[in-house]
C-alpha atoms as a PDB file:
ATOM      1  CA  MET A   1      13.187 -15.818   8.299  1.00  0.00           C
ATOM      2  CA  SER A   2      12.789 -18.494   5.723  1.00  0.00           C
ATOM      3  CA  GLY A   3      14.135 -17.777   2.255  1.00  0.00           C
ATOM      4  CA  THR A   4      10.781 -18.577   0.703  1.00  0.00           C
ATOM      5  CA  LEU A   5       8.963 -16.138   2.976  1.00  0.00           C
ATOM      6  CA  LEU A   6      11.436 -13.420   2.046  1.00  0.00           C
ATOM      7  CA  GLN A   7      10.871 -14.144  -1.629  1.00  0.00           C
ATOM      8  CA  VAL A   8       7.104 -13.905  -1.158  1.00  0.00           C
ATOM      9  CA  LEU A   9       7.473 -10.567   0.634  1.00  0.00           C
ATOM     10  CA  ALA A  10       9.771  -9.315  -2.128  1.00  0.00           C
ATOM     11  CA  ALA A  11       7.249 -10.420  -4.763  1.00  0.00           C
ATOM     12  CA  MET A  12       4.461  -8.596  -2.916  1.00  0.00           C
ATOM     13  CA  LEU A  13       6.563  -5.443  -2.828  1.00  0.00           C
ATOM     14  CA  ARG A  14       7.219  -5.810  -6.575  1.00  0.00           C
ATOM     15  CA  LEU A  15       3.464  -6.113  -7.167  1.00  0.00           C
ATOM     16  CA  TYR A  16       2.869  -2.992  -5.086  1.00  0.00           C
ATOM     17  CA  SER A  17       5.495  -1.165  -7.157  1.00  0.00           C
ATOM     18  CA  LEU A  18       3.640  -2.122 -10.313  1.00  0.00           C
ATOM     19  CA  MET A  19       0.402  -0.893  -8.761  1.00  0.00           C
ATOM     20  CA  LEU A  20       2.063   2.461  -8.013  1.00  0.00           C
ATOM     21  CA  VAL A  21       3.338   2.819 -11.585  1.00  0.00           C
ATOM     22  CA  LEU A  22      -0.045   1.886 -13.042  1.00  0.00           C
ATOM     23  CA  TYR A  23      -1.811   4.352 -10.754  1.00  0.00           C
ATOM     24  CA  ALA A  24       0.602   7.134 -11.710  1.00  0.00           C
ATOM     25  CA  LEU A  25       0.090   6.465 -15.420  1.00  0.00           C
ATOM     26  CA  LEU A  26      -3.693   6.339 -15.071  1.00  0.00           C
ATOM     27  CA  SER A  27      -3.716   9.586 -13.095  1.00  0.00           C
ATOM     28  CA  TRP A  28      -2.093  11.311 -16.090  1.00  0.00           C
ATOM     29  CA  VAL A  29      -4.765  10.194 -18.572  1.00  0.00           C
ATOM     30  CA  MET A  30      -7.944  10.038 -16.455  1.00  0.00           C
ATOM     31  CA  HIS A  31      -9.642  12.571 -14.241  1.00  0.00           C
ATOM     32  CA  GLU A  32     -10.335  11.333 -10.722  1.00  0.00           C
ATOM     33  CA  GLU A  33     -14.092  11.874 -10.932  1.00  0.00           C
ATOM     34  CA  HIS A  34     -14.249   9.523 -13.939  1.00  0.00           C
ATOM     35  CA  TYR A  35     -12.334   6.610 -12.401  1.00  0.00           C
ATOM     36  CA  PRO A  36     -13.987   3.230 -12.963  1.00  0.00           C
ATOM     37  CA  PRO A  37     -14.351   0.905  -9.938  1.00  0.00           C
ATOM     38  CA  ALA A  38     -11.086  -0.948 -10.657  1.00  0.00           C
ATOM     39  CA  VAL A  39      -9.110   2.309 -10.619  1.00  0.00           C
ATOM     40  CA  ARG A  40     -10.889   3.422  -7.453  1.00  0.00           C
ATOM     41  CA  TRP A  41      -9.809   0.138  -5.831  1.00  0.00           C
ATOM     42  CA  LEU A  42      -6.237   0.757  -7.005  1.00  0.00           C
ATOM     43  CA  GLN A  43      -6.451   4.277  -5.593  1.00  0.00           C
ATOM     44  CA  SER A  44      -7.606   2.914  -2.224  1.00  0.00           C
ATOM     45  CA  MET A  45      -4.551   0.639  -2.159  1.00  0.00           C
ATOM     46  CA  VAL A  46      -1.857   3.201  -3.003  1.00  0.00           C
ATOM     47  CA  GLU A  47      -3.127   6.567  -1.754  1.00  0.00           C
ATOM     48  CA  PRO A  48      -2.646   5.837   1.987  1.00  0.00           C
ATOM     49  CA  VAL A  49       1.089   5.315   1.394  1.00  0.00           C
ATOM     50  CA  LEU A  50       1.373   8.261  -0.997  1.00  0.00           C
ATOM     51  CA  THR A  51      -0.449  10.555   1.435  1.00  0.00           C
ATOM     52  CA  LYS A  52       2.062   9.754   4.180  1.00  0.00           C
ATOM     53  CA  ILE A  53       4.968  10.428   1.830  1.00  0.00           C
ATOM     54  CA  ARG A  54       3.378  13.720   0.693  1.00  0.00           C
ATOM     55  CA  ARG A  55       3.406  14.892   4.324  1.00  0.00           C
ATOM     56  CA  VAL A  56       7.199  14.544   4.309  1.00  0.00           C
ATOM     57  CA  ILE A  57       7.849  15.508   0.667  1.00  0.00           C
ATOM     58  CA  PRO A  58       5.192  17.967  -0.524  1.00  0.00           C
ATOM     59  CA  PRO A  59       4.746  18.600  -4.259  1.00  0.00           C
ATOM     60  CA  ILE A  60       7.519  20.804  -5.613  1.00  0.00           C
ATOM     61  CA  ALA A  61       6.369  23.395  -8.171  1.00  0.00           C
ATOM     62  CA  GLY A  62       3.224  21.341  -8.735  1.00  0.00           C
ATOM     63  CA  ILE A  63       5.146  18.103  -9.343  1.00  0.00           C
ATOM     64  CA  ASP A  64       4.206  15.228  -7.049  1.00  0.00           C
ATOM     65  CA  LEU A  65       7.293  13.169  -6.217  1.00  0.00           C
ATOM     66  CA  SER A  66       5.521  10.789  -3.842  1.00  0.00           C
ATOM     67  CA  VAL A  67       5.346   7.899  -6.344  1.00  0.00           C
ATOM     68  CA  ILE A  68       9.067   8.150  -7.079  1.00  0.00           C
ATOM     69  CA  ALA A  69       9.867   8.280  -3.361  1.00  0.00           C
ATOM     70  CA  ALA A  70       7.604   5.272  -2.688  1.00  0.00           C
ATOM     71  CA  LEU A  71       9.265   3.279  -5.465  1.00  0.00           C
ATOM     72  CA  LEU A  72      12.718   4.090  -4.080  1.00  0.00           C
ATOM     73  CA  ILE A  73      11.701   3.069  -0.563  1.00  0.00           C
ATOM     74  CA  ILE A  74      10.175  -0.174  -1.819  1.00  0.00           C
ATOM     75  CA  GLU A  75      13.293  -1.049  -3.803  1.00  0.00           C
ATOM     76  CA  MET A  76      15.504  -0.385  -0.770  1.00  0.00           C
ATOM     77  CA  ILE A  77      13.336  -2.698   1.338  1.00  0.00           C
ATOM     78  CA  ARG A  78      13.397  -5.369  -1.389  1.00  0.00           C
ATOM     79  CA  SER A  79      17.176  -5.132  -1.576  1.00  0.00           C
ATOM     80  CA  LEU A  80      17.468  -5.637   2.168  1.00  0.00           C
ATOM     81  CA  LEU A  81      15.130  -8.639   2.012  1.00  0.00           C
ATOM     82  CA  LEU A  82      16.826 -10.360  -0.886  1.00  0.00           C
ATOM     83  CA  TYR A  83      20.508  -9.731  -0.104  1.00  0.00           C
END
């Protein structure tokens, strides 16, 4: 693959990581039924991935580790793309 294409893919993964972090932070301060449209859009972008991870790693003692797992997976993929 072209170096530029790999950089674009890595940048898209970085953006997705930021979306995951933002979603996690917003979920701590807002209740789901009060999400504005922008947060609902963000939710529609990240929840499909988080749902699949939750099937493999269910919440432990009420703590959802899916965002952390997703971030780790994304960073591993980015490392493989860039190095």
